[in-house]
Amino acid sequence: MPAAADDILLQLAMEAGLVSPSEADAALASAPANAVNALTSLIEPLMIVVMAVMVGTIVIALFLPIVRIIQLLG
């Protein structure tokens, strides 16, 4: 939900007496932390895939010369 919509809903809840001002402040203060956590959870799988490709490339680069030597000797 966009931040503006959260602010509107929070303001309406305060006007209705469902949320105290201190609870509203706490909700607004935790919003950046929630955004960072969401971004991190999106980036982690991408980082794992990138690292897997890098490791795979290194393993292939190590084994190709060995396979070529075996082909020449065999």
N, C-alpha and C. Protein backbone atom coordinates (compact mmCIF):
# COMPACT_ATOMS: atom_id res chain seq x y z
N MET A 1 0.85 -1.17 0.00
CA MET A 1 0.00 0.00 0.00
C MET A 1 0.90 1.24 0.00
N PRO A 2 0.62 2.22 -0.85
CA PRO A 2 1.45 3.43 -0.89
C PRO A 2 1.45 4.17 0.44
N ALA A 3 2.53 4.89 0.67
CA ALA A 3 2.68 5.61 1.94
C ALA A 3 1.58 6.63 2.14
N ALA A 4 1.15 7.29 1.08
CA ALA A 4 0.09 8.30 1.21
C ALA A 4 -1.21 7.67 1.69
N ALA A 5 -1.51 6.48 1.19
CA ALA A 5 -2.73 5.79 1.61
C ALA A 5 -2.63 5.40 3.08
N ASP A 6 -1.45 4.98 3.51
CA ASP A 6 -1.25 4.65 4.92
C ASP A 6 -1.48 5.87 5.80
N ASP A 7 -0.97 7.01 5.37
CA ASP A 7 -1.13 8.24 6.14
C ASP A 7 -2.61 8.63 6.26
N ILE A 8 -3.33 8.48 5.16
CA ILE A 8 -4.76 8.82 5.16
C ILE A 8 -5.53 7.90 6.10
N LEU A 9 -5.25 6.60 6.00
CA LEU A 9 -5.93 5.64 6.87
C LEU A 9 -5.59 5.88 8.33
N LEU A 10 -4.36 6.21 8.60
CA LEU A 10 -3.94 6.48 9.97
C LEU A 10 -4.62 7.74 10.50
N GLN A 11 -4.73 8.76 9.68
CA GLN A 11 -5.41 10.00 10.07
C GLN A 11 -6.88 9.73 10.36
N LEU A 12 -7.53 8.94 9.51
CA LEU A 12 -8.93 8.61 9.73
C LEU A 12 -9.11 7.81 11.02
N ALA A 13 -8.21 6.90 11.29
CA ALA A 13 -8.30 6.11 12.52
C ALA A 13 -8.11 7.00 13.75
N MET A 14 -7.22 7.98 13.64
CA MET A 14 -7.01 8.90 14.76
C MET A 14 -8.26 9.74 15.00
N GLU A 15 -8.87 10.22 13.91
CA GLU A 15 -10.09 11.03 14.05
C GLU A 15 -11.24 10.22 14.63
N ALA A 16 -11.28 8.94 14.32
CA ALA A 16 -12.34 8.08 14.83
C ALA A 16 -12.06 7.62 16.26
N GLY A 17 -10.87 7.91 16.76
CA GLY A 17 -10.52 7.51 18.11
C GLY A 17 -10.07 6.07 18.23
N LEU A 18 -9.76 5.44 17.12
CA LEU A 18 -9.33 4.04 17.14
C LEU A 18 -7.83 3.91 17.41
N VAL A 19 -7.09 4.98 17.17
CA VAL A 19 -5.64 4.96 17.34
C VAL A 19 -5.23 6.20 18.10
N SER A 20 -4.39 6.01 19.11
CA SER A 20 -3.89 7.16 19.86
C SER A 20 -2.75 7.82 19.08
N PRO A 21 -2.46 9.08 19.39
CA PRO A 21 -1.36 9.75 18.68
C PRO A 21 -0.02 9.04 18.86
N SER A 22 0.22 8.47 20.04
CA SER A 22 1.50 7.77 20.25
C SER A 22 1.57 6.51 19.39
N GLU A 23 0.44 5.82 19.21
CA GLU A 23 0.42 4.65 18.33
C GLU A 23 0.63 5.07 16.88
N ALA A 24 0.08 6.20 16.52
CA ALA A 24 0.25 6.71 15.16
C ALA A 24 1.71 7.06 14.90
N ASP A 25 2.35 7.70 15.89
CA ASP A 25 3.77 8.03 15.76
C ASP A 25 4.62 6.77 15.61
N ALA A 26 4.29 5.74 16.39
CA ALA A 26 5.03 4.48 16.31
C ALA A 26 4.85 3.84 14.94
N ALA A 27 3.65 3.89 14.40
CA ALA A 27 3.39 3.31 13.07
C ALA A 27 4.15 4.07 11.99
N LEU A 28 4.19 5.39 12.10
CA LEU A 28 4.92 6.18 11.11
C LEU A 28 6.41 5.99 11.24
N ALA A 29 6.91 5.78 12.45
CA ALA A 29 8.34 5.60 12.67
C ALA A 29 8.81 4.26 12.12
N SER A 30 7.94 3.25 12.13
CA SER A 30 8.36 1.93 11.66
C SER A 30 8.25 1.79 10.15
N ALA A 31 7.67 2.75 9.47
CA ALA A 31 7.49 2.65 8.02
C ALA A 31 8.81 2.54 7.26
N PRO A 32 9.84 3.34 7.55
CA PRO A 32 11.11 3.17 6.81
C PRO A 32 11.74 1.80 7.04
N ALA A 33 11.66 1.30 8.27
CA ALA A 33 12.22 -0.03 8.55
C ALA A 33 11.48 -1.10 7.75
N ASN A 34 10.17 -0.96 7.64
CA ASN A 34 9.40 -1.93 6.86
C ASN A 34 9.78 -1.86 5.38
N ALA A 35 10.03 -0.66 4.87
CA ALA A 35 10.42 -0.51 3.47
C ALA A 35 11.78 -1.15 3.22
N VAL A 36 12.71 -0.96 4.14
CA VAL A 36 14.04 -1.56 4.00
C VAL A 36 13.94 -3.08 4.04
N ASN A 37 13.13 -3.61 4.94
CA ASN A 37 12.96 -5.06 5.02
C ASN A 37 12.35 -5.62 3.74
N ALA A 38 11.40 -4.92 3.18
CA ALA A 38 10.78 -5.37 1.93
C ALA A 38 11.79 -5.36 0.79
N LEU A 39 12.58 -4.30 0.70
CA LEU A 39 13.58 -4.21 -0.35
C LEU A 39 14.64 -5.30 -0.19
N THR A 40 15.05 -5.56 1.03
CA THR A 40 16.04 -6.59 1.29
C THR A 40 15.51 -7.96 0.90
N SER A 41 14.27 -8.22 1.21
CA SER A 41 13.70 -9.53 0.87
C SER A 41 13.56 -9.71 -0.64
N LEU A 42 13.48 -8.63 -1.39
CA LEU A 42 13.44 -8.73 -2.85
C LEU A 42 14.83 -8.91 -3.45
N ILE A 43 15.83 -8.31 -2.84
CA ILE A 43 17.19 -8.34 -3.38
C ILE A 43 17.90 -9.65 -3.06
N GLU A 44 17.60 -10.27 -1.92
CA GLU A 44 18.31 -11.48 -1.51
C GLU A 44 18.27 -12.60 -2.54
N PRO A 45 17.11 -12.97 -3.09
CA PRO A 45 17.12 -14.04 -4.09
C PRO A 45 17.94 -13.69 -5.33
N LEU A 46 17.90 -12.44 -5.74
CA LEU A 46 18.69 -12.01 -6.89
C LEU A 46 20.19 -12.16 -6.60
N MET A 47 20.60 -11.80 -5.40
CA MET A 47 22.01 -11.94 -5.02
C MET A 47 22.43 -13.41 -5.01
N ILE A 48 21.55 -14.29 -4.56
CA ILE A 48 21.86 -15.72 -4.54
C ILE A 48 22.06 -16.24 -5.96
N VAL A 49 21.21 -15.83 -6.88
CA VAL A 49 21.34 -16.27 -8.28
C VAL A 49 22.63 -15.74 -8.88
N VAL A 50 22.95 -14.49 -8.63
CA VAL A 50 24.19 -13.91 -9.18
C VAL A 50 25.41 -14.64 -8.63
N MET A 51 25.41 -14.92 -7.34
CA MET A 51 26.54 -15.64 -6.75
C MET A 51 26.64 -17.06 -7.30
N ALA A 52 25.51 -17.72 -7.54
CA ALA A 52 25.52 -19.07 -8.10
C ALA A 52 26.11 -19.07 -9.50
N VAL A 53 25.77 -18.06 -10.29
CA VAL A 53 26.34 -17.95 -11.64
C VAL A 53 27.84 -17.72 -11.56
N MET A 54 28.28 -16.89 -10.64
CA MET A 54 29.72 -16.63 -10.50
C MET A 54 30.47 -17.89 -10.08
N VAL A 55 29.93 -18.62 -9.12
CA VAL A 55 30.59 -19.85 -8.66
C VAL A 55 30.59 -20.88 -9.78
N GLY A 56 29.47 -21.00 -10.50
CA GLY A 56 29.42 -21.95 -11.62
C GLY A 56 30.45 -21.61 -12.68
N THR A 57 30.62 -20.34 -12.98
CA THR A 57 31.61 -19.91 -13.96
C THR A 57 33.02 -20.27 -13.51
N ILE A 58 33.31 -20.07 -12.25
CA ILE A 58 34.64 -20.41 -11.73
C ILE A 58 34.87 -21.91 -11.79
N VAL A 59 33.87 -22.71 -11.43
CA VAL A 59 34.01 -24.16 -11.47
C VAL A 59 34.24 -24.63 -12.90
N ILE A 60 33.49 -24.12 -13.85
CA ILE A 60 33.69 -24.49 -15.25
C ILE A 60 35.07 -24.07 -15.73
N ALA A 61 35.51 -22.88 -15.34
CA ALA A 61 36.84 -22.41 -15.75
C ALA A 61 37.95 -23.30 -15.17
N LEU A 62 37.72 -23.88 -14.01
CA LEU A 62 38.72 -24.77 -13.42
C LEU A 62 38.72 -26.15 -14.08
N PHE A 63 37.55 -26.66 -14.47
CA PHE A 63 37.47 -28.00 -15.00
C PHE A 63 37.75 -28.10 -16.50
N LEU A 64 37.55 -27.04 -17.26
CA LEU A 64 37.79 -27.11 -18.70
C LEU A 64 39.23 -27.48 -19.05
N PRO A 65 40.24 -26.89 -18.43
CA PRO A 65 41.61 -27.31 -18.75
C PRO A 65 41.87 -28.77 -18.37
N ILE A 66 41.30 -29.23 -17.29
CA ILE A 66 41.50 -30.62 -16.88
C ILE A 66 40.89 -31.56 -17.92
N VAL A 67 39.70 -31.23 -18.40
CA VAL A 67 39.04 -32.06 -19.42
C VAL A 67 39.85 -32.05 -20.71
N ARG A 68 40.40 -30.94 -21.10
CA ARG A 68 41.20 -30.87 -22.33
C ARG A 68 42.48 -31.71 -22.21
N ILE A 69 43.11 -31.67 -21.03
CA ILE A 69 44.31 -32.48 -20.82
C ILE A 69 43.96 -33.95 -20.88
N ILE A 70 42.85 -34.35 -20.30
CA ILE A 70 42.44 -35.76 -20.33
C ILE A 70 42.13 -36.18 -21.76
N GLN A 71 41.52 -35.29 -22.55
CA GLN A 71 41.23 -35.62 -23.95
C GLN A 71 42.52 -35.80 -24.76
N LEU A 72 43.53 -34.97 -24.48
CA LEU A 72 44.80 -35.08 -25.20
C LEU A 72 45.54 -36.34 -24.83
N LEU A 73 45.46 -36.73 -23.57
CA LEU A 73 46.16 -37.93 -23.11
C LEU A 73 45.42 -39.21 -23.48
N GLY A 74 44.12 -39.11 -23.57
CA GLY A 74 43.29 -40.31 -23.80
C GLY A 74 43.18 -40.59 -25.23
